[in-house]
Amino acid sequence: MRIDFVLVKRILAMAAVMLVFSSCSIERTKQSELKIDSAHSIGIDGVVSNGVIFTRSRSNAAIDRQIRTQFKYLTGQLNGINGGADLNRLQISINEKIPGENGLTEVHYAAKVLVAWQKDLTLPSSYEVILPAGGDGEAQDEFFEAFKETCTSDSAHDMSSGAYWYDYRPKSAACQTAMQDPAFLPLVARFPMTLSLSTENTNGKSPEYEKIWEDNRVVVTAVFGKYEDGATSNRDAGIAAYNEFYRTLSAIYGEPSFQDYPLPSGQSPGINNPAINMIFNSNQGQLDVQILLIDGILSADEAFRQRYNERTRISDLVSYNGHSGLGANIRALARMGSFQSGQYQLFFVNGCDTFAYVDNALREAHAAANPGSAPSKYFDIITNAMPSYFNSNSENNMALIEAFLTKTKTYRQLLSGFDRDQRAVVTGEEDNAWPEKF
């Protein structure tokens, strides 16, 4: 899609346009009841009063989809400053459509999104959003070809047009220079997003320890994905994390009272033992841990699915530790599992940028199992606003288990034990009652 050069004037005149169009207030959209807490991030409301996108689509539904594609690039932009956006809660209101040339329509819209902002980074009142001017495939292709050499994360690899939003970093000097090229100027949309402290922030909330221990045990299901599909070596980062978690459990809690596949002392399970159930007797009560190793969620076989579904029915903690697959693995995981009434659960979705990818599927599944209760009554979820690293997977899971056993830590205290680089946040904790009786 090559936007006619005369449209440059429209983009440059955007500030003036903002004075003409009254923005349809996004506040009329129903607010999410979910809250947020973190040791390393703070919840911020990001409000765009006059966003812009150029499109050949006519229906509001199609335009809405393209705006959501456009906003994916906010993930890469915010990752550049250790932040993230909850794209599942992106609210959009289309304000004005202006017919243009070459079949293009200039669409102005309002938007609101919850941003996980780095706590130790100064919060400005306004932040410039820099996104592609279009949201269809052609626009993404042109944007990628124009800026892949200058606006990309140093750690990027295997880039493609459809996934460039993840590695997109527009704030570098080289990128800003490239974007001023008259040939590329029409490809870029710039507009301000006002930032303010969200009322969704909580503090002092804890996991529901009373519910966790009502059967005198803690049940954990921890899934570890490989770094490379089909890997067999213990040097694979995912297999190494799986092995480390197994060894750490034994080192801290001693000889298990039960293990379905006993291993010689000092031996790691590796790929030959991809599913191990271990039960430990602690001073607080029984700790029942199932650890599972898979290539990836999308390639998981029926045996894994059956085992996973059986375990999620009784688990207090369910964790997935592996690649997000740019959201594909996370969405697939959310549509698995089996849930029963009254079973409180904490999910830890431990992949890159899962704060941006997790949708409502898990919440809805728990709500369906508990009719008449709020979706978060029996369900909390921890996600990452930034990329996570395989070498922290075991440590993060152990921090959760330790908190469950000691029954003393708030979520903020618990998350302070996570790798700060992943900027983990919890949502769904707002109605938790501990230390009061459930």
Protein backbone atom coordinates (compact mmCIF):
# COMPACT_ATOMS: atom_id res chain seq x y z
CA MET A 1 0.00 0.00 0.00
CA ARG A 2 1.66 3.26 -1.09
CA ILE A 3 -0.08 6.26 0.45
CA ASP A 4 -0.27 9.23 -1.86
CA PHE A 5 2.27 11.88 -0.88
CA VAL A 6 -0.39 14.56 -0.45
CA LEU A 7 -1.51 12.70 2.64
CA VAL A 8 1.69 13.84 4.29
CA LYS A 9 -0.03 17.16 4.89
CA ARG A 10 -2.81 15.41 6.76
CA ILE A 11 -0.37 13.68 9.08
CA LEU A 12 1.61 16.86 9.70
CA ALA A 13 -1.61 18.72 10.39
CA MET A 14 -2.77 16.22 12.96
CA ALA A 15 -2.35 18.63 15.85
CA ALA A 16 -4.65 21.08 14.14
CA VAL A 17 -7.16 18.36 13.40
CA MET A 18 -7.29 17.57 17.12
CA LEU A 19 -8.70 21.04 17.72
CA VAL A 20 -11.51 20.46 15.23
CA PHE A 21 -12.78 16.98 16.10
CA SER A 22 -14.42 16.35 19.43
CA SER A 23 -13.24 12.99 20.73
CA CYS A 24 -15.89 10.45 21.57
CA SER A 25 -15.20 9.74 25.24
CA ILE A 26 -13.79 6.29 25.75
CA GLU A 27 -14.91 6.50 29.38
CA ARG A 28 -18.36 5.37 28.27
CA THR A 29 -16.93 1.90 27.67
CA LYS A 30 -17.47 -0.40 30.65
CA GLN A 31 -14.35 -0.62 32.76
CA SER A 32 -12.76 -3.99 33.54
CA GLU A 33 -13.17 -5.18 37.11
CA LEU A 34 -9.64 -6.61 37.07
CA LYS A 35 -7.00 -4.90 39.18
CA ILE A 36 -3.21 -5.04 39.07
CA ASP A 37 -0.24 -5.25 41.44
CA SER A 38 3.49 -5.74 40.92
CA ALA A 39 6.83 -5.33 42.65
CA HIS A 40 8.43 -3.69 39.61
CA SER A 41 5.62 -2.07 37.59
CA ILE A 42 2.69 0.25 38.19
CA GLY A 43 -0.65 0.28 36.36
CA ILE A 44 -1.13 3.36 34.20
CA ASP A 45 -4.16 4.42 32.16
CA GLY A 46 -3.04 5.39 28.67
CA VAL A 47 -5.67 7.47 26.90
CA VAL A 48 -5.55 8.50 23.23
CA SER A 49 -8.12 11.19 22.44
CA ASN A 50 -7.33 11.45 18.75
CA GLY A 51 -5.60 8.46 17.19
CA VAL A 52 -5.42 8.12 13.43
CA ILE A 53 -5.27 5.29 10.93
CA PHE A 54 -5.52 5.20 7.14
CA THR A 55 -7.60 2.38 5.71
CA ARG A 56 -9.45 1.12 2.66
CA SER A 57 -11.99 -0.65 4.87
CA ARG A 58 -15.44 0.78 5.35
CA SER A 59 -17.00 -1.24 8.16
CA ASN A 60 -16.34 -0.29 11.76
CA ALA A 61 -15.64 -3.93 12.62
CA ALA A 62 -12.85 -4.13 10.03
CA ILE A 63 -11.45 -0.76 11.09
CA ASP A 64 -11.49 -1.85 14.73
CA ARG A 65 -9.43 -4.93 13.83
CA GLN A 66 -6.90 -2.81 11.96
CA ILE A 67 -6.56 -0.38 14.88
CA ARG A 68 -5.86 -3.37 17.14
CA THR A 69 -3.18 -4.52 14.70
CA GLN A 70 -1.76 -1.00 14.71
CA PHE A 71 -1.65 -1.00 18.52
CA LYS A 72 0.36 -4.22 18.60
CA TYR A 73 3.35 -2.04 17.76
CA LEU A 74 2.88 -0.34 21.12
CA THR A 75 4.17 -3.62 22.63
CA GLY A 76 7.57 -3.15 21.01
CA GLN A 77 7.66 0.56 21.72
CA LEU A 78 6.89 0.10 25.43
CA ASN A 79 9.27 -2.87 25.73
CA GLY A 80 11.97 -0.39 24.77
CA ILE A 81 11.38 1.36 28.11
CA ASN A 82 10.66 -1.81 30.16
CA GLY A 83 6.89 -1.49 29.90
CA GLY A 84 3.97 -3.31 28.34
CA ALA A 85 0.31 -2.87 27.44
CA ASP A 86 -2.68 -5.10 28.17
CA LEU A 87 -3.96 -5.30 24.59
CA ASN A 88 -6.83 -7.55 25.67
CA ARG A 89 -8.31 -4.57 27.51
CA LEU A 90 -7.74 -2.09 24.68
CA GLN A 91 -10.89 0.01 24.30
CA ILE A 92 -11.60 1.74 20.98
CA SER A 93 -14.20 4.27 19.89
CA ILE A 94 -14.25 5.39 16.24
CA ASN A 95 -14.89 9.13 15.98
CA GLU A 96 -14.59 10.42 12.43
CA LYS A 97 -14.00 9.11 8.90
CA ILE A 98 -12.57 11.46 6.30
CA PRO A 99 -12.59 10.25 2.66
CA GLY A 100 -9.19 10.69 1.06
CA GLU A 101 -7.42 9.94 -2.17
CA ASN A 102 -6.60 6.58 -3.77
CA GLY A 103 -9.50 4.94 -1.95
CA LEU A 104 -8.07 5.65 1.50
CA THR A 105 -10.08 6.86 4.45
CA GLU A 106 -8.52 8.78 7.31
CA VAL A 107 -10.09 7.47 10.51
CA HIS A 108 -9.84 9.27 13.84
CA TYR A 109 -10.54 7.35 17.03
CA ALA A 110 -10.26 7.39 20.80
CA ALA A 111 -8.58 4.58 22.71
CA LYS A 112 -7.72 3.53 26.24
CA VAL A 113 -5.29 0.85 27.35
CA LEU A 114 -3.84 -0.30 30.68
CA VAL A 115 -0.05 0.08 30.65
CA ALA A 116 2.41 -1.64 32.99
CA TRP A 117 4.92 1.17 33.56
CA GLN A 118 8.35 0.69 35.13
CA LYS A 119 8.06 1.91 38.74
CA ASP A 120 11.45 3.58 38.87
CA LEU A 121 10.94 5.45 35.58
CA THR A 122 9.55 8.98 35.68
CA LEU A 123 5.94 9.10 34.55
CA PRO A 124 5.28 11.94 32.08
CA SER A 125 1.79 13.34 31.66
CA SER A 126 1.93 12.57 27.93
CA TYR A 127 3.78 9.98 25.85
CA GLU A 128 4.13 10.06 22.06
CA VAL A 129 2.82 6.92 20.39
CA ILE A 130 4.54 6.11 17.07
CA LEU A 131 2.70 3.47 15.05
CA PRO A 132 2.19 2.40 11.43
CA ALA A 133 -0.24 4.66 9.60
CA GLY A 134 -2.15 1.62 8.32
CA GLY A 135 -3.24 -1.67 9.83
CA ASP A 136 -3.66 -4.01 6.87
CA GLY A 137 -1.11 -6.45 5.47
CA GLU A 138 0.22 -4.09 2.81
CA ALA A 139 0.77 -1.34 5.35
CA GLN A 140 2.67 -3.70 7.65
CA ASP A 141 4.83 -4.89 4.74
CA GLU A 142 5.76 -1.35 3.76
CA PHE A 143 6.42 -0.35 7.35
CA PHE A 144 8.68 -3.36 7.86
CA GLU A 145 10.70 -2.77 4.70
CA ALA A 146 11.10 0.92 5.49
CA PHE A 147 12.26 0.60 9.11
CA LYS A 148 13.62 -2.92 9.71
CA GLU A 149 17.21 -1.65 9.49
CA THR A 150 16.83 1.34 11.80
CA CYS A 151 13.92 0.78 14.22
CA THR A 152 14.61 -2.71 15.54
CA SER A 153 15.68 -4.17 18.88
CA ASP A 154 19.34 -5.20 19.09
CA SER A 155 18.20 -8.68 20.17
CA ALA A 156 15.87 -9.22 17.21
CA HIS A 157 16.22 -12.31 15.04
CA ASP A 158 14.13 -14.14 12.44
CA MET A 159 12.11 -11.01 11.79
CA SER A 160 9.09 -10.89 9.51
CA SER A 161 6.56 -8.29 8.54
CA GLY A 162 3.69 -9.86 10.46
CA ALA A 163 5.67 -10.11 13.70
CA TYR A 164 7.75 -6.96 13.44
CA TRP A 165 5.64 -5.23 16.11
CA TYR A 166 7.46 -7.32 18.76
CA ASP A 167 10.98 -6.12 17.83
CA TYR A 168 9.92 -2.57 16.95
CA ARG A 169 11.87 0.16 18.81
CA PRO A 170 11.04 3.62 17.42
CA LYS A 171 12.79 5.86 19.95
CA SER A 172 16.38 5.42 18.72
CA ALA A 173 18.06 8.34 16.97
CA ALA A 174 18.56 6.28 13.81
CA CYS A 175 14.87 5.40 13.70
CA GLN A 176 13.73 8.97 14.23
CA THR A 177 16.02 10.13 11.43
CA ALA A 178 14.65 7.48 9.07
CA MET A 179 11.08 8.44 9.88
CA GLN A 180 11.76 12.02 8.77
CA ASP A 181 12.57 10.83 5.24
CA PRO A 182 9.83 12.33 3.04
CA ALA A 183 9.42 8.96 1.30
CA PHE A 184 8.63 7.26 4.63
CA LEU A 185 6.73 10.03 6.40
CA PRO A 186 3.30 8.87 5.16
CA LEU A 187 3.89 5.42 6.65
CA VAL A 188 3.95 6.71 10.24
CA ALA A 189 1.20 7.89 12.59
CA ARG A 190 2.16 9.95 15.62
CA PHE A 191 -0.19 11.06 18.37
CA PRO A 192 -0.04 11.71 22.10
CA MET A 193 -1.25 9.31 24.77
CA THR A 194 -1.98 10.88 28.14
CA LEU A 195 -0.74 8.88 31.12
CA SER A 196 -2.21 8.82 34.61
CA LEU A 197 -2.07 6.53 37.61
CA SER A 198 -4.78 3.89 37.21
CA THR A 199 -7.39 3.30 39.89
CA GLU A 200 -6.89 -0.41 39.15
CA ASN A 201 -3.70 -0.58 41.23
CA THR A 202 -3.92 -2.56 44.46
CA ASN A 203 -1.54 -3.11 47.37
CA GLY A 204 -1.41 -5.55 50.27
CA LYS A 205 -3.36 -8.34 48.59
CA SER A 206 -2.16 -11.94 48.97
CA PRO A 207 -2.98 -15.30 47.42
CA GLU A 208 -5.98 -16.95 49.09
CA TYR A 209 -3.92 -19.03 51.51
CA GLU A 210 -7.05 -20.07 53.41
CA LYS A 211 -8.53 -21.64 50.27
CA ILE A 212 -5.22 -23.13 49.18
CA TRP A 213 -4.83 -25.03 52.45
CA GLU A 214 -8.45 -26.04 53.07
CA ASP A 215 -7.60 -29.66 52.05
CA ASN A 216 -4.30 -29.57 54.02
CA ARG A 217 -2.11 -29.71 50.93
CA VAL A 218 -0.69 -27.61 48.12
CA VAL A 219 -1.10 -29.02 44.61
CA VAL A 220 1.18 -27.63 41.89
CA THR A 221 1.22 -28.34 38.15
CA ALA A 222 4.28 -26.84 36.43
CA VAL A 223 4.67 -27.10 32.66
CA PHE A 224 8.07 -26.42 31.07
CA GLY A 225 8.43 -25.88 27.34
CA LYS A 226 11.65 -26.48 25.44
CA TYR A 227 13.61 -23.63 23.92
CA GLU A 228 13.84 -25.53 20.64
CA ASP A 229 11.08 -27.89 19.50
CA GLY A 230 12.46 -31.39 19.31
CA ALA A 231 15.51 -30.65 21.46
CA THR A 232 16.99 -33.62 23.31
CA SER A 233 20.06 -32.17 25.01
CA ASN A 234 20.06 -31.04 28.62
CA ARG A 235 21.77 -27.90 27.33
CA ASP A 236 18.48 -26.75 25.81
CA ALA A 237 17.36 -23.83 28.01
CA GLY A 238 13.86 -25.23 28.52
CA ILE A 239 15.05 -28.73 29.41
CA ALA A 240 17.68 -27.20 31.70
CA ALA A 241 14.98 -25.22 33.54
CA TYR A 242 12.88 -28.38 33.92
CA ASN A 243 15.85 -30.27 35.35
CA GLU A 244 16.77 -27.41 37.68
CA PHE A 245 13.24 -27.24 39.09
CA TYR A 246 13.29 -30.98 39.78
CA ARG A 247 16.67 -30.77 41.53
CA THR A 248 15.72 -27.68 43.54
CA LEU A 249 12.55 -29.29 44.89
CA SER A 250 14.58 -32.22 46.22
CA ALA A 251 17.35 -30.00 47.57
CA ILE A 252 14.94 -27.83 49.56
CA TYR A 253 12.23 -30.28 50.63
CA GLY A 254 14.28 -33.47 50.90
CA GLU A 255 13.44 -36.97 49.78
CA PRO A 256 9.87 -37.12 48.46
CA SER A 257 7.46 -39.43 50.25
CA PHE A 258 6.22 -40.43 46.80
CA GLN A 259 7.66 -40.19 43.28
CA ASP A 260 6.04 -42.05 40.42
CA TYR A 261 9.29 -42.41 38.46
CA PRO A 262 12.18 -42.52 40.98
CA LEU A 263 15.58 -41.48 39.64
CA PRO A 264 19.05 -42.28 40.95
CA SER A 265 20.42 -39.61 43.27
CA GLY A 266 21.86 -36.67 41.32
CA GLN A 267 20.27 -37.68 38.01
CA SER A 268 18.16 -35.16 36.12
CA PRO A 269 14.89 -36.27 34.49
CA GLY A 270 15.55 -34.79 31.01
CA ILE A 271 13.57 -35.91 27.99
CA ASN A 272 13.38 -39.54 29.16
CA ASN A 273 11.15 -38.53 32.07
CA PRO A 274 8.85 -35.77 30.72
CA ALA A 275 6.21 -36.18 33.47
CA ILE A 276 7.07 -36.64 37.14
CA ASN A 277 4.80 -36.48 40.18
CA MET A 278 6.52 -35.80 43.51
CA ILE A 279 4.91 -35.53 46.96
CA PHE A 280 6.76 -33.97 49.90
CA ASN A 281 5.77 -33.82 53.55
CA SER A 282 6.54 -30.37 54.93
CA ASN A 283 5.94 -28.87 58.37
CA GLN A 284 3.00 -26.97 56.90
CA GLY A 285 1.44 -29.96 55.15
CA GLN A 286 1.69 -31.96 51.96
CA LEU A 287 3.24 -30.53 48.79
CA ASP A 288 2.10 -32.37 45.65
CA VAL A 289 4.03 -31.29 42.53
CA GLN A 290 3.58 -32.51 38.96
CA ILE A 291 6.25 -31.28 36.52
CA LEU A 292 5.74 -31.69 32.79
CA LEU A 293 8.16 -31.19 29.89
CA ILE A 294 6.82 -30.53 26.38
CA ASP A 295 8.12 -29.25 23.06
CA GLY A 296 5.46 -26.55 22.99
CA ILE A 297 1.80 -26.01 23.76
CA LEU A 298 0.73 -26.05 20.11
CA SER A 299 2.42 -29.42 19.54
CA ALA A 300 1.32 -31.03 22.83
CA ASP A 301 -0.04 -34.56 22.35
CA GLU A 302 -3.23 -36.07 23.73
CA ALA A 303 -1.42 -37.75 26.64
CA PHE A 304 -0.23 -34.35 27.85
CA ARG A 305 -3.65 -32.78 27.40
CA GLN A 306 -5.34 -35.52 29.38
CA ARG A 307 -2.82 -35.30 32.22
CA TYR A 308 -2.98 -31.49 32.23
CA ASN A 309 -6.79 -31.48 32.31
CA GLU A 310 -6.85 -33.92 35.22
CA ARG A 311 -4.32 -31.93 37.21
CA THR A 312 -5.87 -28.50 36.67
CA ARG A 313 -9.06 -29.70 38.35
CA ILE A 314 -7.23 -30.04 41.67
CA SER A 315 -4.28 -27.64 41.35
CA ASP A 316 -3.77 -24.59 43.55
CA LEU A 317 -0.95 -23.35 41.31
CA VAL A 318 -0.67 -23.92 37.56
CA SER A 319 2.35 -22.54 35.74
CA TYR A 320 3.44 -22.52 32.11
CA ASN A 321 7.08 -21.71 31.50
CA GLY A 322 8.12 -21.39 27.88
CA HIS A 323 7.81 -19.48 24.64
CA SER A 324 4.76 -17.26 24.12
CA GLY A 325 4.87 -17.82 20.37
CA LEU A 326 3.86 -14.14 19.98
CA GLY A 327 0.68 -15.05 21.86
CA ALA A 328 -0.23 -18.28 20.02
CA ASN A 329 0.98 -20.59 22.80
CA ILE A 330 -0.69 -18.46 25.45
CA ARG A 331 -4.06 -18.51 23.70
CA ALA A 332 -3.81 -22.27 23.19
CA LEU A 333 -2.96 -22.83 26.86
CA ALA A 334 -5.92 -20.70 27.96
CA ARG A 335 -8.29 -23.04 26.12
CA MET A 336 -7.01 -26.13 27.88
CA GLY A 337 -7.67 -27.37 31.39
CA SER A 338 -10.63 -28.58 33.41
CA PHE A 339 -12.01 -26.58 36.33
CA GLN A 340 -14.35 -27.32 39.21
CA SER A 341 -16.52 -25.22 41.48
CA GLY A 342 -14.84 -23.72 44.52
CA GLN A 343 -11.27 -24.55 43.46
CA TYR A 344 -9.25 -21.36 43.93
CA GLN A 345 -6.27 -21.19 41.55
CA LEU A 346 -3.31 -19.02 40.77
CA PHE A 347 -2.08 -19.28 37.18
CA PHE A 348 1.46 -18.19 36.34
CA VAL A 349 1.74 -17.68 32.58
CA ASN A 350 5.48 -17.30 32.37
CA GLY A 351 6.47 -16.38 28.82
CA CYS A 352 7.52 -13.22 27.01
CA ASP A 353 5.05 -10.31 27.19
CA THR A 354 2.17 -12.46 28.44
CA PHE A 355 0.58 -9.34 29.96
CA ALA A 356 -0.17 -8.28 26.37
CA TYR A 357 -1.31 -11.71 25.16
CA VAL A 358 -3.57 -13.26 27.81
CA ASP A 359 -7.24 -13.00 26.87
CA ASN A 360 -10.40 -13.74 28.88
CA ALA A 361 -10.57 -17.50 28.22
CA LEU A 362 -9.22 -18.62 31.61
CA ARG A 363 -11.32 -16.10 33.50
CA GLU A 364 -14.43 -17.20 31.62
CA ALA A 365 -13.68 -20.88 32.28
CA HIS A 366 -13.43 -20.22 36.02
CA ALA A 367 -16.56 -18.09 35.94
CA ALA A 368 -18.45 -20.90 34.20
CA ALA A 369 -17.31 -23.33 36.92
CA ASN A 370 -18.49 -20.91 39.61
CA PRO A 371 -21.82 -19.44 38.47
CA GLY A 372 -22.95 -16.48 40.50
CA SER A 373 -19.39 -15.50 41.47
CA ALA A 374 -17.19 -12.81 39.96
CA PRO A 375 -14.70 -14.20 37.39
CA SER A 376 -11.80 -13.37 39.72
CA LYS A 377 -13.36 -14.90 42.86
CA TYR A 378 -11.49 -18.17 42.45
CA PHE A 379 -8.86 -17.08 39.94
CA ASP A 380 -5.71 -14.92 40.01
CA ILE A 381 -3.16 -14.75 37.22
CA ILE A 382 0.47 -13.61 37.04
CA THR A 383 1.82 -12.47 33.67
CA ASN A 384 4.93 -10.67 32.41
CA ALA A 385 4.96 -7.15 31.00
CA MET A 386 8.40 -7.81 29.50
CA PRO A 387 10.27 -10.80 28.05
CA SER A 388 11.12 -13.58 30.50
CA TYR A 389 14.20 -15.78 30.54
CA PHE A 390 14.42 -19.56 30.79
CA ASN A 391 17.21 -19.39 33.38
CA SER A 392 14.79 -17.73 35.84
CA ASN A 393 11.93 -20.22 35.39
CA SER A 394 12.81 -22.54 38.26
CA GLU A 395 13.55 -19.70 40.68
CA ASN A 396 10.24 -17.97 39.94
CA ASN A 397 8.23 -21.14 40.50
CA MET A 398 10.06 -21.83 43.75
CA ALA A 399 9.20 -18.32 44.97
CA LEU A 400 5.51 -19.13 44.46
CA ILE A 401 5.73 -22.49 46.24
CA GLU A 402 7.62 -20.95 49.16
CA ALA A 403 4.91 -18.27 49.52
CA PHE A 404 2.20 -20.94 49.51
CA LEU A 405 3.97 -22.90 52.24
CA THR A 406 4.79 -19.97 54.53
CA LYS A 407 1.44 -18.18 54.01
CA THR A 408 2.93 -14.78 54.85
CA LYS A 409 3.76 -12.87 51.67
CA THR A 410 1.64 -10.35 49.84
CA TYR A 411 1.72 -10.45 46.05
CA ARG A 412 4.03 -7.47 45.93
CA GLN A 413 6.46 -9.17 48.32
CA LEU A 414 6.17 -12.43 46.40
CA LEU A 415 6.82 -10.83 43.01
CA SER A 416 9.88 -9.02 44.35
CA GLY A 417 11.51 -12.46 44.30
CA PHE A 418 11.03 -12.74 40.54
CA ASP A 419 13.55 -11.61 37.95
CA ARG A 420 12.81 -7.87 37.80
CA ASP A 421 13.57 -7.79 34.05
CA GLN A 422 10.30 -9.59 33.27
CA ARG A 423 8.17 -7.05 35.20
CA ALA A 424 5.68 -9.62 36.45
CA VAL A 425 2.21 -8.40 37.46
CA VAL A 426 -0.81 -10.06 39.06
CA THR A 427 -4.44 -9.44 38.18
CA GLY A 428 -7.62 -10.79 39.72
CA GLU A 429 -6.39 -10.30 43.30
CA GLU A 430 -8.71 -7.41 44.19
CA ASP A 431 -11.30 -9.59 45.94
CA ASN A 432 -8.86 -11.79 47.88
CA ALA A 433 -9.71 -11.97 51.58
CA TRP A 434 -6.58 -13.32 53.32
CA PRO A 435 -5.88 -13.02 56.26
CA GLU A 436 -9.62 -12.82 56.82
CA LYS A 437 -11.62 -16.03 56.66
CA PHE A 438 -12.68 -16.86 53.10
